[in-house]
């Protein structure tokens, strides 16, 4: 089977466009692939939890490792710097158990969308936001509100 120059060029351009549009991908790892400092934090944080996996990702030009856990039936993801510093914790929370200003703000921002998951976002041991994953018209997206239900000055 032979391809014309236009077919080859079109396929090449399509593949380049597709590749450029992809966000940074997580690289799945084994625990033994983690730096010693990250392994130590992972061991501490995973006590009493089920480890779902380990990954590495470069975000904003910085390498970080992610520990994915299940704790008491909910998800918890911990982003860890190569030196073992915890950068961020995303922990699933139940919408109905959130303070009413937070719950109301998320539901208002979701509008006609259906909230499918809510997580608390903690950085430097401080709750900085709540994030909800929503589905609107078959499309997934995320919304965030401040810990008090107000608007954020910047996305977390």
N, C-alpha and C. Protein backbone atom coordinates (compact mmCIF):
# COMPACT_ATOMS: atom_id res chain seq x y z
N UNK A 1 0.84 -1.16 0.00
CA UNK A 1 0.00 0.00 0.00
C UNK A 1 0.89 1.24 0.00
N UNK A 2 0.60 2.17 -0.90
CA UNK A 2 1.39 3.39 -1.01
C UNK A 2 0.58 4.59 -0.54
N UNK A 3 1.28 5.54 0.06
CA UNK A 3 0.64 6.75 0.53
C UNK A 3 1.15 7.93 -0.29
N UNK A 4 0.27 8.87 -0.57
CA UNK A 4 0.69 10.08 -1.29
C UNK A 4 1.46 10.98 -0.34
N UNK A 5 2.16 11.93 -0.90
CA UNK A 5 2.89 12.91 -0.06
C UNK A 5 1.93 13.66 0.85
N UNK A 6 0.75 13.98 0.33
CA UNK A 6 -0.22 14.73 1.12
C UNK A 6 -0.72 13.90 2.30
N UNK A 7 -0.91 12.62 2.10
CA UNK A 7 -1.34 11.76 3.19
C UNK A 7 -0.27 11.67 4.27
N UNK A 8 0.99 11.52 3.85
CA UNK A 8 2.09 11.44 4.80
C UNK A 8 2.24 12.77 5.55
N UNK A 9 2.19 13.89 4.81
CA UNK A 9 2.31 15.21 5.45
C UNK A 9 1.15 15.45 6.41
N UNK A 10 -0.05 15.09 5.99
CA UNK A 10 -1.22 15.26 6.84
C UNK A 10 -1.11 14.45 8.12
N UNK A 11 -0.69 13.20 7.99
CA UNK A 11 -0.52 12.34 9.16
C UNK A 11 0.54 12.91 10.10
N UNK A 12 1.63 13.39 9.54
CA UNK A 12 2.70 13.97 10.34
C UNK A 12 2.20 15.21 11.08
N UNK A 13 1.53 16.11 10.39
CA UNK A 13 1.03 17.33 11.04
C UNK A 13 0.00 17.00 12.12
N UNK A 14 -0.87 16.04 11.85
CA UNK A 14 -1.85 15.65 12.84
C UNK A 14 -1.16 15.10 14.08
N UNK A 15 -0.16 14.25 13.89
CA UNK A 15 0.53 13.66 15.05
C UNK A 15 1.28 14.72 15.84
N UNK A 16 1.87 15.70 15.16
CA UNK A 16 2.57 16.79 15.87
C UNK A 16 1.58 17.62 16.68
N UNK A 17 0.45 17.95 16.07
CA UNK A 17 -0.57 18.73 16.75
C UNK A 17 -1.08 17.98 17.97
N UNK A 18 -1.33 16.70 17.81
CA UNK A 18 -1.83 15.87 18.91
C UNK A 18 -0.79 15.82 20.03
N UNK A 19 0.46 15.61 19.70
CA UNK A 19 1.52 15.49 20.71
C UNK A 19 1.70 16.80 21.46
N UNK A 20 1.61 17.94 20.78
CA UNK A 20 1.80 19.23 21.44
C UNK A 20 0.66 19.55 22.39
N UNK A 21 -0.52 19.02 22.13
CA UNK A 21 -1.67 19.31 22.97
C UNK A 21 -1.75 18.47 24.22
N UNK A 22 -0.88 17.51 24.41
CA UNK A 22 -0.95 16.64 25.56
C UNK A 22 -0.31 17.27 26.79
N UNK A 23 -0.95 17.15 27.94
CA UNK A 23 -0.31 17.63 29.17
C UNK A 23 0.81 16.69 29.57
N UNK A 24 1.60 17.11 30.53
CA UNK A 24 2.69 16.26 31.03
C UNK A 24 2.11 14.95 31.53
N UNK A 25 2.75 13.87 31.19
CA UNK A 25 2.25 12.55 31.56
C UNK A 25 2.94 12.05 32.83
N UNK A 26 2.18 11.37 33.64
CA UNK A 26 2.75 10.70 34.79
C UNK A 26 3.47 9.46 34.33
N UNK A 27 4.59 9.20 34.96
CA UNK A 27 5.33 7.97 34.69
C UNK A 27 5.13 7.06 35.90
N UNK A 28 4.49 5.94 35.68
CA UNK A 28 4.23 5.01 36.78
C UNK A 28 5.53 4.35 37.21
N UNK A 29 5.71 4.23 38.52
CA UNK A 29 6.95 3.72 39.09
C UNK A 29 6.68 2.60 40.08
N UNK A 30 7.74 1.90 40.42
CA UNK A 30 7.72 0.96 41.53
C UNK A 30 8.28 1.70 42.74
N UNK A 31 7.96 1.22 43.91
CA UNK A 31 8.48 1.86 45.13
C UNK A 31 10.01 1.91 45.10
N UNK A 32 10.63 0.86 44.58
CA UNK A 32 12.09 0.81 44.54
C UNK A 32 12.69 1.86 43.61
N UNK A 33 11.89 2.46 42.73
CA UNK A 33 12.37 3.51 41.83
C UNK A 33 12.42 4.88 42.51
N UNK A 34 11.81 4.99 43.67
CA UNK A 34 11.74 6.28 44.37
C UNK A 34 13.06 6.59 45.07
N UNK A 35 13.44 7.88 45.13
CA UNK A 35 14.61 8.26 45.94
C UNK A 35 14.37 7.89 47.41
N UNK A 36 15.43 7.67 48.15
CA UNK A 36 15.33 7.24 49.55
C UNK A 36 14.47 8.19 50.39
N UNK A 37 14.63 9.50 50.21
CA UNK A 37 13.86 10.46 50.99
C UNK A 37 12.37 10.36 50.68
N UNK A 38 12.04 10.10 49.44
CA UNK A 38 10.64 9.96 49.03
C UNK A 38 10.07 8.65 49.56
N UNK A 39 10.88 7.58 49.51
CA UNK A 39 10.44 6.29 50.06
C UNK A 39 10.11 6.41 51.54
N UNK A 40 10.94 7.14 52.27
CA UNK A 40 10.72 7.31 53.71
C UNK A 40 9.39 8.00 53.98
N UNK A 41 9.11 9.09 53.26
CA UNK A 41 7.85 9.81 53.43
C UNK A 41 6.68 8.93 53.00
N UNK A 42 6.85 8.20 51.90
CA UNK A 42 5.79 7.31 51.40
C UNK A 42 5.46 6.25 52.45
N UNK A 43 6.48 5.70 53.09
CA UNK A 43 6.25 4.70 54.14
C UNK A 43 5.49 5.30 55.32
N UNK A 44 5.86 6.51 55.72
CA UNK A 44 5.19 7.17 56.84
C UNK A 44 3.73 7.48 56.51
N UNK A 45 3.51 8.03 55.31
CA UNK A 45 2.17 8.46 54.92
C UNK A 45 1.22 7.31 54.61
N UNK A 46 1.78 6.15 54.25
CA UNK A 46 0.93 5.03 53.83
C UNK A 46 0.56 4.09 54.97
N UNK A 47 1.01 4.39 56.19
CA UNK A 47 0.66 3.53 57.32
C UNK A 47 -0.86 3.51 57.50
N UNK A 48 -1.43 2.31 57.52
CA UNK A 48 -2.87 2.16 57.69
C UNK A 48 -3.67 2.39 56.42
N UNK A 49 -2.99 2.58 55.31
CA UNK A 49 -3.65 2.84 54.03
C UNK A 49 -3.28 1.76 53.02
N UNK A 50 -4.00 1.73 51.92
CA UNK A 50 -3.67 0.84 50.81
C UNK A 50 -2.99 1.67 49.73
N UNK A 51 -1.80 1.26 49.33
CA UNK A 51 -1.07 1.99 48.28
C UNK A 51 -1.65 1.59 46.92
N UNK A 52 -2.13 2.58 46.17
CA UNK A 52 -2.65 2.34 44.82
C UNK A 52 -1.55 2.45 43.78
N UNK A 53 -0.49 3.22 44.08
CA UNK A 53 0.59 3.33 43.13
C UNK A 53 1.52 4.50 43.41
N UNK A 54 2.60 4.51 42.62
CA UNK A 54 3.62 5.55 42.70
C UNK A 54 3.81 6.09 41.29
N UNK A 55 4.15 7.37 41.18
CA UNK A 55 4.39 7.96 39.86
C UNK A 55 5.35 9.13 40.01
N UNK A 56 5.91 9.55 38.89
CA UNK A 56 6.70 10.79 38.85
C UNK A 56 6.11 11.66 37.76
N UNK A 57 6.27 12.97 37.94
CA UNK A 57 5.73 13.92 36.99
C UNK A 57 6.53 15.22 37.12
N UNK A 58 6.74 15.87 36.01
CA UNK A 58 7.36 17.19 36.04
C UNK A 58 6.25 18.21 35.87
N UNK A 59 6.10 19.06 36.89
CA UNK A 59 5.06 20.08 36.87
C UNK A 59 5.72 21.44 37.07
N UNK A 60 5.44 22.36 36.17
CA UNK A 60 6.07 23.69 36.20
C UNK A 60 7.59 23.57 36.23
N UNK A 61 8.12 22.58 35.49
CA UNK A 61 9.56 22.39 35.39
C UNK A 61 10.20 21.71 36.59
N UNK A 62 9.38 21.29 37.56
CA UNK A 62 9.92 20.66 38.77
C UNK A 62 9.46 19.21 38.86
N UNK A 63 10.42 18.33 39.09
CA UNK A 63 10.12 16.91 39.27
C UNK A 63 9.48 16.69 40.63
N UNK A 64 8.42 15.91 40.64
CA UNK A 64 7.83 15.50 41.91
C UNK A 64 7.32 14.08 41.77
N UNK A 65 7.13 13.44 42.90
CA UNK A 65 6.66 12.06 42.96
C UNK A 65 5.27 12.06 43.57
N UNK A 66 4.43 11.14 43.11
CA UNK A 66 3.09 11.07 43.65
C UNK A 66 2.82 9.70 44.25
N UNK A 67 2.31 9.74 45.45
CA UNK A 67 1.91 8.54 46.17
C UNK A 67 0.38 8.54 46.17
N UNK A 68 -0.21 7.50 45.60
CA UNK A 68 -1.67 7.38 45.54
C UNK A 68 -2.13 6.33 46.54
N UNK A 69 -3.03 6.75 47.42
CA UNK A 69 -3.49 5.88 48.50
C UNK A 69 -5.01 5.77 48.53
N UNK A 70 -5.47 4.74 49.20
CA UNK A 70 -6.86 4.64 49.61
C UNK A 70 -6.84 4.56 51.14
N UNK A 71 -7.54 5.50 51.77
CA UNK A 71 -7.58 5.59 53.22
C UNK A 71 -9.05 5.57 53.65
N UNK A 72 -9.42 4.58 54.42
CA UNK A 72 -10.80 4.47 54.90
C UNK A 72 -11.82 4.63 53.77
N UNK A 73 -11.52 4.05 52.62
CA UNK A 73 -12.46 4.05 51.50
C UNK A 73 -12.42 5.27 50.61
N UNK A 74 -11.56 6.24 50.88
CA UNK A 74 -11.48 7.42 50.01
C UNK A 74 -10.05 7.58 49.49
N UNK A 75 -9.91 8.36 48.42
CA UNK A 75 -8.59 8.54 47.80
C UNK A 75 -7.80 9.65 48.49
N UNK A 76 -6.49 9.48 48.45
CA UNK A 76 -5.56 10.49 48.98
C UNK A 76 -4.31 10.43 48.12
N UNK A 77 -3.97 11.54 47.49
CA UNK A 77 -2.78 11.64 46.65
C UNK A 77 -1.82 12.65 47.26
N UNK A 78 -0.56 12.24 47.38
CA UNK A 78 0.44 13.08 48.03
C UNK A 78 1.56 13.36 47.03
N UNK A 79 1.81 14.64 46.75
CA UNK A 79 2.90 15.05 45.86
C UNK A 79 4.11 15.34 46.73
N UNK A 80 5.23 14.68 46.40
CA UNK A 80 6.44 14.75 47.23
C UNK A 80 7.62 15.19 46.37
N UNK A 81 8.38 16.17 46.85
CA UNK A 81 9.59 16.63 46.17
C UNK A 81 10.68 15.57 46.31
N UNK A 82 11.68 15.59 45.42
CA UNK A 82 12.76 14.60 45.51
C UNK A 82 13.48 14.57 46.86
N UNK A 83 13.47 15.70 47.60
CA UNK A 83 14.13 15.72 48.91
C UNK A 83 13.24 15.22 50.04
N UNK A 84 11.99 14.80 49.71
CA UNK A 84 11.08 14.26 50.71
C UNK A 84 10.09 15.27 51.26
N UNK A 85 10.15 16.51 50.81
CA UNK A 85 9.20 17.52 51.25
C UNK A 85 7.83 17.25 50.62
N UNK A 86 6.80 17.32 51.43
CA UNK A 86 5.45 17.15 50.89
C UNK A 86 5.00 18.48 50.29
N UNK A 87 4.73 18.45 48.96
CA UNK A 87 4.31 19.66 48.25
C UNK A 87 2.81 19.89 48.37
N UNK A 88 2.04 18.80 48.26
CA UNK A 88 0.58 18.95 48.24
C UNK A 88 -0.08 17.62 48.61
N UNK A 89 -1.23 17.74 49.26
CA UNK A 89 -2.06 16.57 49.56
C UNK A 89 -3.45 16.85 49.01
N UNK A 90 -3.93 15.94 48.17
CA UNK A 90 -5.31 15.99 47.67
C UNK A 90 -6.04 14.83 48.31
N UNK A 91 -7.06 15.14 49.12
CA UNK A 91 -7.77 14.07 49.82
C UNK A 91 -9.27 14.18 49.56
N UNK A 92 -9.84 13.07 49.12
CA UNK A 92 -11.27 13.04 48.81
C UNK A 92 -12.08 13.31 50.06
N UNK A 93 -13.11 14.15 49.90
CA UNK A 93 -14.02 14.47 50.99
C UNK A 93 -15.45 14.26 50.49
N UNK A 94 -16.37 14.12 51.42
CA UNK A 94 -17.77 13.91 51.06
C UNK A 94 -18.46 15.26 50.99
N UNK A 95 -19.09 15.54 49.86
CA UNK A 95 -19.73 16.83 49.61
C UNK A 95 -20.68 17.21 50.73
N UNK A 96 -21.52 16.29 51.16
CA UNK A 96 -22.53 16.60 52.19
C UNK A 96 -21.95 16.87 53.57
N UNK A 97 -20.67 16.54 53.77
CA UNK A 97 -20.04 16.77 55.08
C UNK A 97 -19.23 18.06 55.11
N UNK A 98 -19.18 18.77 53.98
CA UNK A 98 -18.45 20.04 53.94
C UNK A 98 -19.27 21.14 54.61
N UNK A 99 -18.61 22.18 55.10
CA UNK A 99 -19.36 23.32 55.65
C UNK A 99 -20.31 23.87 54.56
N UNK A 100 -21.49 24.30 54.96
CA UNK A 100 -22.49 24.72 53.97
C UNK A 100 -22.00 25.82 53.03
N UNK A 101 -21.21 26.81 53.46
CA UNK A 101 -20.75 27.81 52.48
C UNK A 101 -19.87 27.20 51.37
N UNK A 102 -19.08 26.19 51.71
CA UNK A 102 -18.23 25.52 50.73
C UNK A 102 -19.09 24.68 49.79
N UNK A 103 -19.98 23.90 50.37
CA UNK A 103 -20.87 23.05 49.57
C UNK A 103 -21.72 23.90 48.62
N UNK A 104 -22.29 24.98 49.13
CA UNK A 104 -23.13 25.86 48.31
C UNK A 104 -22.33 26.50 47.18
N UNK A 105 -21.10 26.94 47.49
CA UNK A 105 -20.26 27.58 46.46
C UNK A 105 -19.89 26.59 45.36
N UNK A 106 -19.55 25.35 45.74
CA UNK A 106 -19.23 24.35 44.73
C UNK A 106 -20.44 24.04 43.86
N UNK A 107 -21.60 23.88 44.48
CA UNK A 107 -22.80 23.58 43.71
C UNK A 107 -23.18 24.74 42.79
N UNK A 108 -22.97 25.96 43.25
CA UNK A 108 -23.26 27.13 42.41
C UNK A 108 -22.30 27.19 41.22
N UNK A 109 -21.01 26.94 41.47
CA UNK A 109 -20.02 26.96 40.39
C UNK A 109 -20.23 25.81 39.40
N UNK A 110 -20.71 24.69 39.90
CA UNK A 110 -20.96 23.55 39.03
C UNK A 110 -22.15 23.80 38.11
N UNK A 111 -23.04 24.69 38.52
CA UNK A 111 -24.24 25.05 37.75
C UNK A 111 -25.00 23.80 37.33
N UNK A 112 -25.08 23.53 36.04
CA UNK A 112 -25.82 22.38 35.55
C UNK A 112 -24.98 21.11 35.54
N UNK A 113 -23.72 21.23 35.91
CA UNK A 113 -22.84 20.07 35.94
C UNK A 113 -23.11 19.19 37.15
N UNK A 114 -22.70 17.94 37.05
CA UNK A 114 -22.86 16.99 38.15
C UNK A 114 -21.52 16.82 38.85
N UNK A 115 -21.49 17.08 40.14
CA UNK A 115 -20.26 16.92 40.93
C UNK A 115 -20.06 15.43 41.16
N UNK A 116 -18.89 14.91 40.73
CA UNK A 116 -18.63 13.48 40.88
C UNK A 116 -17.58 13.17 41.95
N UNK A 117 -16.77 14.17 42.32
CA UNK A 117 -15.75 13.95 43.34
C UNK A 117 -15.30 15.30 43.88
N UNK A 118 -15.06 15.36 45.19
CA UNK A 118 -14.57 16.59 45.82
C UNK A 118 -13.33 16.22 46.62
N UNK A 119 -12.30 17.08 46.52
CA UNK A 119 -11.06 16.87 47.26
C UNK A 119 -10.67 18.14 47.99
N UNK A 120 -10.07 17.97 49.16
CA UNK A 120 -9.44 19.09 49.85
C UNK A 120 -8.01 19.18 49.33
N UNK A 121 -7.51 20.39 49.16
CA UNK A 121 -6.13 20.61 48.71
C UNK A 121 -5.36 21.27 49.85
N UNK A 122 -4.29 20.60 50.27
CA UNK A 122 -3.48 21.10 51.37
C UNK A 122 -2.06 21.31 50.88
N UNK A 123 -1.51 22.49 51.15
CA UNK A 123 -0.12 22.82 50.81
C UNK A 123 0.55 23.40 52.05
N UNK A 124 1.77 22.96 52.32
CA UNK A 124 2.52 23.44 53.48
C UNK A 124 1.68 23.34 54.76
N UNK A 125 1.02 22.18 54.92
CA UNK A 125 0.19 21.89 56.09
C UNK A 125 -0.99 22.84 56.29
N UNK A 126 -1.44 23.49 55.20
CA UNK A 126 -2.56 24.41 55.32
C UNK A 126 -3.57 24.13 54.21
N UNK A 127 -4.84 24.00 54.59
CA UNK A 127 -5.90 23.83 53.61
C UNK A 127 -5.98 25.09 52.75
N UNK A 128 -5.82 24.92 51.43
CA UNK A 128 -5.81 26.09 50.54
C UNK A 128 -7.02 26.15 49.62
N UNK A 129 -7.71 25.03 49.42
CA UNK A 129 -8.87 25.03 48.52
C UNK A 129 -9.61 23.71 48.58
N UNK A 130 -10.81 23.74 48.02
CA UNK A 130 -11.56 22.52 47.72
C UNK A 130 -11.70 22.48 46.21
N UNK A 131 -11.56 21.29 45.67
CA UNK A 131 -11.63 21.12 44.22
C UNK A 131 -12.68 20.05 43.91
N UNK A 132 -13.55 20.35 42.95
CA UNK A 132 -14.58 19.38 42.57
C UNK A 132 -14.41 19.01 41.11
N UNK A 133 -14.53 17.73 40.83
CA UNK A 133 -14.56 17.26 39.45
C UNK A 133 -16.02 17.19 39.05
N UNK A 134 -16.33 17.80 37.91
CA UNK A 134 -17.72 17.83 37.46
C UNK A 134 -17.83 17.31 36.03
N UNK A 135 -19.02 16.86 35.71
CA UNK A 135 -19.33 16.44 34.35
C UNK A 135 -20.51 17.28 33.88
N UNK A 136 -20.30 17.98 32.77
CA UNK A 136 -21.34 18.81 32.18
C UNK A 136 -21.45 18.43 30.70
N UNK A 137 -22.58 17.94 30.30
CA UNK A 137 -22.78 17.56 28.91
C UNK A 137 -21.78 16.52 28.43
N UNK A 138 -21.39 15.61 29.31
CA UNK A 138 -20.44 14.56 28.95
C UNK A 138 -18.98 14.97 29.03
N UNK A 139 -18.70 16.24 29.34
CA UNK A 139 -17.32 16.71 29.43
C UNK A 139 -16.91 16.88 30.89
N UNK A 140 -15.68 16.42 31.20
CA UNK A 140 -15.15 16.54 32.56
C UNK A 140 -14.41 17.86 32.72
N UNK A 141 -14.53 18.45 33.89
CA UNK A 141 -13.77 19.66 34.22
C UNK A 141 -13.63 19.74 35.73
N UNK A 142 -12.87 20.73 36.18
CA UNK A 142 -12.66 20.93 37.62
C UNK A 142 -12.98 22.36 37.99
N UNK A 143 -13.47 22.52 39.20
CA UNK A 143 -13.73 23.84 39.76
C UNK A 143 -13.10 23.88 41.15
N UNK A 144 -12.78 25.09 41.61
CA UNK A 144 -12.18 25.24 42.93
C UNK A 144 -12.82 26.40 43.67
N UNK A 145 -12.84 26.28 44.99
CA UNK A 145 -13.27 27.38 45.85
C UNK A 145 -12.30 27.44 47.04
N UNK A 146 -12.27 28.59 47.68
CA UNK A 146 -11.43 28.79 48.86
C UNK A 146 -11.96 27.96 50.03
N UNK A 147 -11.15 27.76 51.06
CA UNK A 147 -11.57 26.97 52.23
C UNK A 147 -12.84 27.49 52.91
N UNK A 148 -13.13 28.78 52.73
CA UNK A 148 -14.36 29.34 53.33
C UNK A 148 -15.52 29.38 52.34
N UNK A 149 -15.30 28.86 51.11
CA UNK A 149 -16.33 28.87 50.09
C UNK A 149 -16.24 30.07 49.16
N UNK A 150 -15.36 31.00 49.47
CA UNK A 150 -15.20 32.17 48.61
C UNK A 150 -14.39 31.88 47.35
N UNK A 151 -14.20 32.92 46.57
CA UNK A 151 -13.43 32.80 45.34
C UNK A 151 -11.93 32.78 45.67
N UNK A 152 -11.17 32.05 44.85
CA UNK A 152 -9.72 32.02 45.00
C UNK A 152 -9.11 33.18 44.21
N UNK A 153 -7.99 33.69 44.69
CA UNK A 153 -7.30 34.75 43.95
C UNK A 153 -6.52 34.17 42.78
N UNK A 154 -6.18 32.88 42.86
CA UNK A 154 -5.51 32.15 41.77
C UNK A 154 -5.81 30.68 41.93
N UNK A 155 -5.80 29.93 40.81
CA UNK A 155 -6.06 28.49 40.92
C UNK A 155 -4.96 27.79 41.71
N UNK A 156 -5.35 26.82 42.48
CA UNK A 156 -4.37 26.05 43.27
C UNK A 156 -3.95 24.87 42.47
